[in-house]
Amino acid sequence: MAASRLFIFLGNSILHHPLSFSQPPLLKLNIACLPHSLRINRCISSAVTLESETPALSDDAISAHPWPEWVNFVDQLKVIGYITQNAEAAENGISTGEESAAVYKELKLVKDACMNFGRDRFDIFKLLPTSDIQAIVEQGCPSVFRKPVNSAKRLRAHLQIDEGDVCSSCSLRSSCDRAYVLLTETEAAARTVDVVRMLMTFALDPLVVSGDVEDKPAGRELVESSARRLLSELVELSETPADPDLPKPASVVHQKKKQLQFVDPPDTGSSKSIDMKPGDWVCTECNFMNFARNIRCLKCKAIGPKASSMSTGGGGVEMKKGDWNCAQ
């Protein structure tokens, strides 16, 4: 009889117990059954591990995506019925021979499945490690598309991370129309689907899919490490039964033509200086910092510098976007 040893890591405590089996068993920990005190902030710091080999990924999975955690998550969505691969592939014009690899890197094949899983398992949000959630949102948003940006803002509001500090240091700030925008109370409730959307956006980033390491921004390795840990947590938690005592969160209410709320950028005169890009300007009426492309202040609608458009300035000098003439 081959001997195996089971290790369970709970916080900083290690419980171990020798077990004997004819074959190494597949054991799963029902996280929902743990005492509430063990689920605060960091429910499980490391998943249950066995001294046995983990299932090997297929060649198609390894070649399709460099993150085995993402591959495992997508495979889990197949197992629990969120992805019907043949139907999805046929609907998007992908042949049967290509579908097994394409599902790991094509957004259109996994988007609906990921979002439906996130909405259905709203109960596991409280079990996800806050330290890893903080790591994937505190350096900015993974893209400038509205839904990932709003999800990042909801998670930052949940963790009480200053939105102005994040926007001012984000490398995508000059291209983002929602920089410094604050969500309303009806929009600001963070949920599992927000975490899943962020992880999906990171995993399907062309820089990640291509394996291009050189072009990744500084600090991206730490963000990706947290994203991969969260994917592993989602796989583990997806195998636990849903908590029947938790009420389903209310849907986000979208109001047409609503007045946007902004957080003021950091004061340029303080010790924490703002990272202004060339052409950005500060409104003289409300002190809000605007991007170079804004003709009017995004906050108070006051007219910006008069010569901020692509025009010809005095002396026949061609002015670039963001250039302006001093009124004095």
Protein backbone atom coordinates (compact mmCIF):
# COMPACT_ATOMS: atom_id res chain seq x y z
CA MET A 1 0.00 0.00 0.00
CA ALA A 2 1.47 3.30 -1.09
CA ALA A 3 1.49 5.95 1.62
CA SER A 4 0.42 9.51 0.93
CA ARG A 5 0.41 12.48 3.24
CA LEU A 6 -2.35 15.10 3.16
CA PHE A 7 -1.39 18.70 3.83
CA ILE A 8 -3.99 21.38 4.52
CA PHE A 9 -2.83 24.98 4.75
CA LEU A 10 -5.16 27.23 6.70
CA GLY A 11 -3.75 30.72 7.26
CA ASN A 12 -0.38 30.21 8.95
CA SER A 13 -1.28 26.85 10.50
CA ILE A 14 -0.37 23.52 8.94
CA LEU A 15 -2.43 20.43 9.69
CA HIS A 16 -1.06 17.16 8.44
CA HIS A 17 -2.29 13.67 8.82
CA PRO A 18 -0.82 10.45 7.37
CA LEU A 19 -3.24 8.47 5.28
CA SER A 20 -2.77 5.18 3.47
CA PHE A 21 -4.40 4.42 0.16
CA SER A 22 -3.90 1.84 -2.54
CA GLN A 23 -3.93 4.78 -4.98
CA PRO A 24 -3.55 8.49 -4.26
CA PRO A 25 -7.15 9.79 -3.92
CA LEU A 26 -8.63 12.99 -5.28
CA LEU A 27 -9.78 14.91 -2.22
CA LYS A 28 -11.64 18.21 -2.28
CA LEU A 29 -12.15 20.65 0.56
CA ASN A 30 -15.67 22.07 0.90
CA ILE A 31 -14.77 25.66 1.73
CA ALA A 32 -18.37 26.54 2.51
CA CYS A 33 -18.22 24.20 5.52
CA LEU A 34 -15.32 26.03 7.17
CA PRO A 35 -16.03 28.15 10.28
CA HIS A 36 -16.80 31.76 9.47
CA SER A 37 -13.69 32.93 11.34
CA LEU A 38 -11.50 31.11 8.85
CA ARG A 39 -13.14 32.81 5.88
CA ILE A 40 -12.49 36.43 6.81
CA ASN A 41 -10.16 38.29 4.42
CA ARG A 42 -8.18 35.22 3.41
CA CYS A 43 -10.24 32.07 3.47
CA ILE A 44 -7.68 29.65 2.12
CA SER A 45 -4.10 30.83 1.71
CA SER A 46 -3.19 27.72 -0.21
CA ALA A 47 -5.46 25.07 -1.62
CA VAL A 48 -5.43 21.48 -0.45
CA THR A 49 -2.36 19.79 -1.94
CA LEU A 50 -1.50 16.14 -2.22
CA GLU A 51 1.85 14.47 -2.77
CA SER A 52 0.67 13.16 -6.12
CA GLU A 53 0.94 14.28 -9.70
CA THR A 54 -1.49 16.90 -11.00
CA PRO A 55 -3.37 16.07 -14.21
CA ALA A 56 -1.27 16.96 -17.24
CA LEU A 57 -2.65 19.52 -19.68
CA SER A 58 -3.20 18.50 -23.28
CA ASP A 59 -0.80 19.65 -25.99
CA ASP A 60 -3.57 21.82 -27.48
CA ALA A 61 -4.12 23.56 -24.15
CA ILE A 62 -0.40 24.19 -23.58
CA SER A 63 0.09 25.63 -27.06
CA ALA A 64 -3.09 27.72 -26.93
CA HIS A 65 -2.39 29.68 -23.75
CA PRO A 66 0.66 30.19 -21.50
CA TRP A 67 -1.39 30.24 -18.26
CA PRO A 68 -2.33 26.74 -17.07
CA GLU A 69 -4.62 28.38 -14.50
CA TRP A 70 -6.67 29.96 -17.29
CA VAL A 71 -6.80 26.64 -19.15
CA ASN A 72 -8.03 24.90 -15.99
CA PHE A 73 -10.66 27.58 -15.44
CA VAL A 74 -11.98 27.28 -19.01
CA ASP A 75 -11.97 23.49 -18.71
CA GLN A 76 -13.96 23.79 -15.48
CA LEU A 77 -16.54 25.95 -17.27
CA LYS A 78 -16.89 23.10 -19.77
CA VAL A 79 -17.32 20.50 -17.03
CA ILE A 80 -20.04 22.42 -15.18
CA GLY A 81 -21.91 23.20 -18.40
CA TYR A 82 -21.23 26.87 -19.11
CA ILE A 83 -19.40 26.14 -22.38
CA THR A 84 -20.96 24.02 -25.08
CA GLN A 85 -17.92 24.01 -27.28
CA ASN A 86 -19.33 22.65 -30.53
CA ALA A 87 -22.25 25.09 -30.55
CA GLU A 88 -20.11 28.10 -29.69
CA ALA A 89 -17.50 27.26 -32.32
CA ALA A 90 -20.06 26.65 -35.06
CA GLU A 91 -21.84 29.88 -34.21
CA ASN A 92 -18.60 31.84 -34.62
CA GLY A 93 -17.44 30.11 -37.80
CA ILE A 94 -14.67 28.00 -36.22
CA SER A 95 -14.11 24.49 -37.58
CA THR A 96 -14.20 21.43 -35.34
CA GLY A 97 -10.45 20.87 -35.66
CA GLU A 98 -9.66 24.39 -34.46
CA GLU A 99 -12.19 24.73 -31.66
CA SER A 100 -10.31 22.84 -28.93
CA ALA A 101 -7.40 25.31 -29.01
CA ALA A 102 -9.36 28.45 -29.92
CA VAL A 103 -11.59 28.32 -26.86
CA TYR A 104 -8.64 29.25 -24.64
CA LYS A 105 -7.79 32.49 -26.47
CA GLU A 106 -10.92 33.68 -28.33
CA LEU A 107 -12.99 36.16 -26.32
CA LYS A 108 -16.14 35.45 -28.31
CA LEU A 109 -16.01 31.76 -27.33
CA VAL A 110 -15.70 32.25 -23.56
CA LYS A 111 -17.12 35.69 -22.75
CA ASP A 112 -20.74 34.65 -22.16
CA ALA A 113 -19.70 31.57 -20.19
CA CYS A 114 -17.38 33.58 -17.92
CA MET A 115 -19.97 36.28 -17.27
CA ASN A 116 -22.78 33.79 -16.59
CA PHE A 117 -20.58 31.90 -14.13
CA GLY A 118 -19.63 35.14 -12.36
CA ARG A 119 -23.26 36.21 -12.04
CA ASP A 120 -24.45 32.79 -10.85
CA ARG A 121 -21.72 32.40 -8.22
CA PHE A 122 -22.10 35.79 -6.54
CA ASP A 123 -21.83 33.93 -3.24
CA ILE A 124 -18.09 33.20 -3.58
CA PHE A 125 -16.99 36.83 -3.83
CA LYS A 126 -16.48 37.06 -0.06
CA LEU A 127 -14.19 34.02 -0.17
CA LEU A 128 -11.72 35.42 -2.70
CA PRO A 129 -8.45 36.78 -1.25
CA THR A 130 -8.63 40.56 -0.99
CA SER A 131 -4.85 40.89 -1.33
CA ASP A 132 -4.93 39.42 -4.84
CA ILE A 133 -8.00 41.45 -5.83
CA GLN A 134 -6.21 44.59 -4.67
CA ALA A 135 -3.13 43.66 -6.71
CA ILE A 136 -5.06 43.42 -9.99
CA VAL A 137 -6.82 46.80 -9.64
CA GLU A 138 -4.50 49.13 -7.72
CA GLN A 139 -2.21 49.86 -10.70
CA GLY A 140 -5.00 50.80 -13.10
CA CYS A 141 -7.37 49.09 -15.51
CA PRO A 142 -6.38 46.32 -17.95
CA SER A 143 -8.07 48.12 -20.87
CA VAL A 144 -10.01 51.28 -21.71
CA PHE A 145 -13.24 49.47 -22.57
CA ARG A 146 -16.18 50.59 -20.45
CA LYS A 147 -17.12 47.33 -18.73
CA PRO A 148 -13.63 46.31 -17.54
CA VAL A 149 -13.04 49.90 -16.39
CA ASN A 150 -16.30 49.94 -14.43
CA SER A 151 -15.52 46.55 -12.88
CA ALA A 152 -12.11 47.82 -11.78
CA LYS A 153 -13.73 50.93 -10.29
CA ARG A 154 -16.26 48.82 -8.36
CA LEU A 155 -13.53 46.62 -6.92
CA ARG A 156 -11.44 49.66 -5.93
CA ALA A 157 -14.46 51.23 -4.24
CA HIS A 158 -15.07 47.96 -2.37
CA LEU A 159 -11.44 47.91 -1.18
CA GLN A 160 -11.50 51.67 -0.45
CA ILE A 161 -8.64 52.41 -2.85
CA ASP A 162 -8.40 56.08 -3.84
CA GLU A 163 -9.63 56.39 -7.44
CA GLY A 164 -7.75 59.63 -8.07
CA ASP A 165 -4.40 58.13 -7.10
CA VAL A 166 -4.94 55.12 -9.38
CA CYS A 167 -6.09 57.16 -12.39
CA SER A 168 -3.24 59.65 -12.10
CA SER A 169 -0.63 56.88 -12.33
CA CYS A 170 -2.40 54.64 -14.87
CA SER A 171 -0.54 54.24 -18.17
CA LEU A 172 -3.88 54.21 -20.08
CA ARG A 173 -5.18 57.43 -18.52
CA SER A 174 -4.73 59.61 -21.60
CA SER A 175 -6.89 57.22 -23.66
CA CYS A 176 -9.59 56.56 -21.05
CA ASP A 177 -12.85 58.52 -21.14
CA ARG A 178 -13.74 57.45 -17.61
CA ALA A 179 -10.57 58.52 -15.83
CA TYR A 180 -11.38 60.14 -12.45
CA VAL A 181 -15.08 59.23 -12.87
CA LEU A 182 -16.75 58.02 -9.67
CA LEU A 183 -19.50 55.42 -9.80
CA THR A 184 -22.84 56.10 -8.14
CA GLU A 185 -24.03 54.07 -5.16
CA THR A 186 -26.24 51.89 -7.39
CA GLU A 187 -23.25 51.11 -9.61
CA ALA A 188 -20.61 50.58 -6.95
CA ALA A 189 -21.51 47.16 -5.50
CA ALA A 190 -18.61 44.82 -6.33
CA ARG A 191 -19.49 41.23 -7.26
CA THR A 192 -17.87 38.01 -8.43
CA VAL A 193 -18.61 38.91 -12.04
CA ASP A 194 -16.34 41.96 -11.73
CA VAL A 195 -13.42 39.78 -10.66
CA VAL A 196 -14.10 37.30 -13.47
CA ARG A 197 -14.27 40.10 -16.04
CA MET A 198 -10.92 41.47 -14.89
CA LEU A 199 -9.29 38.04 -14.99
CA MET A 200 -10.70 37.34 -18.45
CA THR A 201 -9.37 40.68 -19.72
CA PHE A 202 -5.90 39.99 -18.34
CA ALA A 203 -5.81 36.38 -19.59
CA LEU A 204 -6.84 37.33 -23.13
CA ASP A 205 -4.51 40.31 -23.37
CA PRO A 206 -2.55 39.89 -26.64
CA LEU A 207 0.70 40.34 -24.71
CA VAL A 208 -0.21 37.38 -22.50
CA VAL A 209 -1.54 35.14 -25.29
CA SER A 210 1.53 35.79 -27.46
CA GLY A 211 3.92 35.27 -24.55
CA ASP A 212 5.58 38.63 -25.25
CA VAL A 213 7.42 39.52 -22.05
CA GLU A 214 9.51 42.47 -23.25
CA ASP A 215 6.58 44.78 -24.05
CA LYS A 216 4.77 44.30 -20.74
CA PRO A 217 4.65 47.38 -18.48
CA ALA A 218 6.65 47.48 -15.25
CA GLY A 219 5.03 45.63 -12.37
CA ARG A 220 2.86 43.51 -14.65
CA GLU A 221 4.43 40.26 -13.39
CA LEU A 222 3.03 40.81 -9.89
CA VAL A 223 -0.41 41.63 -11.29
CA GLU A 224 -0.43 38.49 -13.42
CA SER A 225 0.69 36.33 -10.50
CA SER A 226 -2.31 37.52 -8.48
CA ALA A 227 -4.63 37.03 -11.47
CA ARG A 228 -3.45 33.44 -11.86
CA ARG A 229 -3.93 32.72 -8.16
CA LEU A 230 -7.47 34.07 -8.36
CA LEU A 231 -8.21 31.80 -11.32
CA SER A 232 -7.09 28.81 -9.26
CA GLU A 233 -9.30 29.97 -6.39
CA LEU A 234 -12.30 30.21 -8.73
CA VAL A 235 -11.75 26.65 -9.94
CA GLU A 236 -11.68 25.38 -6.34
CA LEU A 237 -14.69 27.43 -5.27
CA SER A 238 -16.73 26.44 -8.33
CA GLU A 239 -16.80 22.87 -6.98
CA THR A 240 -18.50 23.95 -3.74
CA PRO A 241 -22.29 24.26 -3.47
CA ALA A 242 -23.78 27.74 -3.65
CA ASP A 243 -24.66 29.36 -0.33
CA PRO A 244 -28.49 29.31 -0.20
CA ASP A 245 -28.64 31.94 2.55
CA LEU A 246 -27.17 34.73 0.45
CA PRO A 247 -29.71 36.88 -1.42
CA LYS A 248 -28.95 37.59 -5.05
CA PRO A 249 -27.50 41.10 -5.46
CA ALA A 250 -29.60 43.72 -7.18
CA SER A 251 -28.87 44.42 -10.83
CA VAL A 252 -26.87 47.52 -11.66
CA VAL A 253 -29.16 50.39 -12.63
CA HIS A 254 -28.02 52.38 -15.65
CA GLN A 255 -29.51 55.86 -15.91
CA LYS A 256 -29.53 57.66 -19.23
CA LYS A 257 -27.88 61.08 -19.45
CA LYS A 258 -26.88 61.02 -15.81
CA GLN A 259 -24.49 63.60 -14.38
CA LEU A 260 -21.05 62.06 -13.97
CA GLN A 261 -19.28 62.44 -10.64
CA PHE A 262 -15.54 63.01 -10.61
CA VAL A 263 -12.83 62.68 -8.05
CA ASP A 264 -10.42 65.60 -8.02
CA PRO A 265 -6.93 64.68 -9.23
CA PRO A 266 -4.13 65.04 -6.70
CA ASP A 267 -3.12 68.63 -5.95
CA THR A 268 -0.10 69.50 -8.08
CA GLY A 269 1.24 71.63 -5.25
CA SER A 270 1.29 68.78 -2.74
CA SER A 271 4.09 66.36 -2.07
CA LYS A 272 2.27 63.74 -4.19
CA SER A 273 2.69 65.24 -7.67
CA ILE A 274 0.39 64.27 -10.53
CA ASP A 275 1.71 62.49 -13.58
CA MET A 276 0.57 64.90 -16.31
CA LYS A 277 1.04 63.92 -19.93
CA PRO A 278 2.14 66.46 -22.61
CA GLY A 279 -0.83 68.63 -23.59
CA ASP A 280 -2.90 67.98 -20.46
CA TRP A 281 -4.31 71.13 -18.88
CA VAL A 282 -5.82 72.20 -15.55
CA CYS A 283 -9.13 74.05 -15.64
CA THR A 284 -8.83 77.54 -14.14
CA GLU A 285 -12.47 77.42 -12.98
CA CYS A 286 -12.63 74.16 -11.00
CA ASN A 287 -8.99 72.98 -10.92
CA PHE A 288 -9.88 69.70 -12.67
CA MET A 289 -7.11 68.19 -14.78
CA ASN A 290 -8.15 67.48 -18.37
CA PHE A 291 -6.62 65.46 -21.18
CA ALA A 292 -5.13 67.32 -24.11
CA ARG A 293 -7.99 66.26 -26.41
CA ASN A 294 -10.65 67.96 -24.25
CA ILE A 295 -11.75 71.31 -25.70
CA ARG A 296 -13.99 71.92 -22.67
CA CYS A 297 -13.44 70.92 -19.06
CA LEU A 298 -14.87 67.46 -18.51
CA LYS A 299 -16.12 68.46 -15.04
CA CYS A 300 -17.51 72.02 -15.25
CA LYS A 301 -17.71 72.43 -19.07
CA ALA A 302 -15.63 75.60 -19.04
CA ILE A 303 -13.77 76.37 -22.27
CA GLY A 304 -10.17 75.17 -22.24
CA PRO A 305 -7.05 76.85 -23.64
CA LYS A 306 -8.04 78.70 -26.81
CA ALA A 307 -5.34 77.24 -29.03
CA SER A 308 -5.72 73.59 -28.05
CA SER A 309 -7.05 72.49 -31.46
CA MET A 310 -5.14 71.57 -34.59
CA SER A 311 -4.78 75.07 -35.97
CA THR A 312 -2.14 77.47 -37.15
CA GLY A 313 -0.78 79.77 -34.49
CA GLY A 314 0.87 83.16 -34.80
CA GLY A 315 3.83 83.41 -37.12
CA GLY A 316 2.64 80.51 -39.30
CA VAL A 317 3.79 77.85 -36.80
CA GLU A 318 1.70 74.69 -37.00
CA MET A 319 0.31 73.88 -33.55
CA LYS A 320 -0.05 70.31 -32.39
CA LYS A 321 -2.94 68.94 -30.35
CA GLY A 322 -2.37 70.08 -26.78
CA ASP A 323 -0.29 73.15 -27.69
CA TRP A 324 -1.61 76.50 -26.44
CA ASN A 325 -0.72 80.20 -26.51
CA CYS A 326 -0.21 82.04 -23.24
CA ALA A 327 -2.83 84.80 -22.89
CA GLN A 328 -0.32 87.05 -21.09
